[in-house]
C-alpha atoms as a PDB file:
ATOM      1  CA  MET A   1      -1.080  19.545  -2.954  1.00  0.00           C
ATOM      2  CA  ALA A   2       2.080  18.114  -1.407  1.00  0.00           C
ATOM      3  CA  ARG A   3      -0.047  15.094  -0.282  1.00  0.00           C
ATOM      4  CA  LEU A   4      -1.967  14.514  -3.378  1.00  0.00           C
ATOM      5  CA  ALA A   5       1.456  14.160  -5.517  1.00  0.00           C
ATOM      6  CA  LEU A   6       2.727  11.400  -2.463  1.00  0.00           C
ATOM      7  CA  LEU A   7      -0.301   9.956  -2.785  1.00  0.00           C
ATOM      8  CA  LEU A   8      -0.237   9.491  -6.750  1.00  0.00           C
ATOM      9  CA  SER A   9       3.541   8.629  -6.650  1.00  0.00           C
ATOM     10  CA  VAL A  10       2.403   5.590  -4.224  1.00  0.00           C
ATOM     11  CA  LEU A  11       0.099   4.517  -6.519  1.00  0.00           C
ATOM     12  CA  PHE A  12       2.145   4.651  -9.540  1.00  0.00           C
ATOM     13  CA  TYR A  13       4.979   2.480  -7.601  1.00  0.00           C
ATOM     14  CA  ALA A  14       2.404   0.380  -6.294  1.00  0.00           C
ATOM     15  CA  SER A  15       1.075  -0.479 -10.280  1.00  0.00           C
ATOM     16  CA  ALA A  16       4.324  -0.729 -11.040  1.00  0.00           C
ATOM     17  CA  ALA A  17       5.468  -3.529  -8.538  1.00  0.00           C
ATOM     18  CA  SER A  18       2.768  -5.006  -8.793  1.00  0.00           C
ATOM     19  CA  ALA A  19       3.670  -5.783 -12.093  1.00  0.00           C
ATOM     20  CA  GLN A  20       6.675  -7.916 -10.706  1.00  0.00           C
ATOM     21  CA  GLU A  21       5.829  -9.311  -7.789  1.00  0.00           C
ATOM     22  CA  GLU A  22       3.706 -12.447  -7.419  1.00  0.00           C
ATOM     23  CA  LYS A  23       3.207 -13.500  -3.980  1.00  0.00           C
ATOM     24  CA  PRO A  24      -0.236 -13.759  -2.552  1.00  0.00           C
ATOM     25  CA  ALA A  25      -1.378 -11.870   0.031  1.00  0.00           C
ATOM     26  CA  ALA A  26      -0.159 -12.403   3.184  1.00  0.00           C
ATOM     27  CA  GLN A  27       1.272 -11.050   6.835  1.00  0.00           C
ATOM     28  CA  GLY A  28       4.357  -9.233   5.783  1.00  0.00           C
ATOM     29  CA  ALA A  29       2.988  -8.646   1.903  1.00  0.00           C
ATOM     30  CA  THR A  30       4.278  -5.453  -0.109  1.00  0.00           C
ATOM     31  CA  MET A  31       1.827  -3.140  -1.351  1.00  0.00           C
ATOM     32  CA  GLY A  32       2.343  -3.683  -4.834  1.00  0.00           C
ATOM     33  CA  GLN A  33       1.397  -7.594  -3.683  1.00  0.00           C
ATOM     34  CA  LEU A  34      -2.000  -6.012  -1.986  1.00  0.00           C
ATOM     35  CA  ILE A  35      -2.964  -4.288  -4.885  1.00  0.00           C
ATOM     36  CA  ALA A  36      -2.071  -6.938  -7.570  1.00  0.00           C
ATOM     37  CA  ASP A  37      -4.758  -9.339  -5.441  1.00  0.00           C
ATOM     38  CA  GLY A  38      -7.096  -6.603  -5.805  1.00  0.00           C
ATOM     39  CA  TYR A  39      -6.920  -4.422  -2.802  1.00  0.00           C
ATOM     40  CA  GLU A  40      -8.181  -1.127  -3.084  1.00  0.00           C
ATOM     41  CA  ILE A  41      -6.443   1.867  -1.384  1.00  0.00           C
ATOM     42  CA  LYS A  42      -9.399   3.582   1.000  1.00  0.00           C
ATOM     43  CA  ALA A  43      -7.345   6.070   2.671  1.00  0.00           C
ATOM     44  CA  ALA A  44      -3.433   7.545   3.109  1.00  0.00           C
ATOM     45  CA  VAL A  45      -3.074   9.454   6.061  1.00  0.00           C
ATOM     46  CA  PRO A  46       0.151  10.893   6.964  1.00  0.00           C
ATOM     47  CA  ASN A  47       2.178  10.010  10.340  1.00  0.00           C
ATOM     48  CA  GLY A  48       5.647  11.843  11.026  1.00  0.00           C
ATOM     49  CA  LYS A  49       7.777  11.457   8.127  1.00  0.00           C
ATOM     50  CA  ARG A  50       5.845   8.465   6.858  1.00  0.00           C
ATOM     51  CA  PHE A  51       2.379   7.970   5.437  1.00  0.00           C
ATOM     52  CA  VAL A  52       0.171   5.002   6.357  1.00  0.00           C
ATOM     53  CA  VAL A  53      -2.222   3.674   3.575  1.00  0.00           C
ATOM     54  CA  PHE A  54      -5.305   1.548   4.274  1.00  0.00           C
ATOM     55  CA  LEU A  55      -6.019  -1.164   1.857  1.00  0.00           C
ATOM     56  CA  GLN A  56      -9.390  -2.993   1.695  1.00  0.00           C
ATOM     57  CA  LYS A  57     -10.827  -6.392  -0.248  1.00  0.00           C
ATOM     58  CA  ASP A  58     -13.916  -7.692   0.954  1.00  0.00           C
ATOM     59  CA  THR A  59     -14.068  -7.955   4.692  1.00  0.00           C
ATOM     60  CA  THR A  60     -10.257  -7.673   4.778  1.00  0.00           C
ATOM     61  CA  GLY A  61      -8.054  -4.878   5.820  1.00  0.00           C
ATOM     62  CA  TYR A  62      -4.573  -4.229   5.212  1.00  0.00           C
ATOM     63  CA  ALA A  63      -2.133  -1.116   6.528  1.00  0.00           C
ATOM     64  CA  CYS A  64       1.000   0.080   4.930  1.00  0.00           C
ATOM     65  CA  GLU A  65       3.316   2.152   6.609  1.00  0.00           C
ATOM     66  CA  LEU A  66       5.543   3.668   3.758  1.00  0.00           C
ATOM     67  CA  ALA A  67       8.836   4.658   4.749  1.00  0.00           C
ATOM     68  CA  ASN A  68      10.140   5.873   0.923  1.00  0.00           C
ATOM     69  CA  LEU A  69       8.669   4.650  -2.431  1.00  0.00           C
ATOM     70  CA  SER A  70      10.553   1.612  -2.594  1.00  0.00           C
ATOM     71  CA  SER A  71       9.997   0.625   0.610  1.00  0.00           C
ATOM     72  CA  SER A  72       6.378  -0.558   2.365  1.00  0.00           C
ATOM     73  CA  GLN A  73       5.547  -2.565   5.379  1.00  0.00           C
ATOM     74  CA  CYS A  74       1.866  -4.044   5.477  1.00  0.00           C
ATOM     75  CA  GLY A  75       0.132  -5.782   8.059  1.00  0.00           C
ATOM     76  CA  LYS A  76      -3.444  -7.353   8.424  1.00  0.00           C
ATOM     77  CA  ILE A  77      -5.202  -5.381  10.571  1.00  0.00           C
ATOM     78  CA  ASN A  78      -8.642  -7.183  10.834  1.00  0.00           C
END
C-alpha cells in the first residue's frame, strides 16, 4: 500500500514538474522532463530508502533514482 502511495506521488510530482520544465531529454534530465517528452513509466522498484523508476520511449530507456519527491537523477540506460 505504501509503495502504491509513493508511486502515485511520483506520478503527481512528475506531471507537475513537466509543466514547468522545458529542457529536452538528455543525460541528466529530470523525470518531469522525460515524461513531458513522452517517456512512459514502465516500472518502479525500491532500492533501500530510494526508488528506481524505469521510463521508456520507443527503443530508448532511462532509469531515475528518486531520493525524495523533489529530487531525482536520471540516466540513459541503452
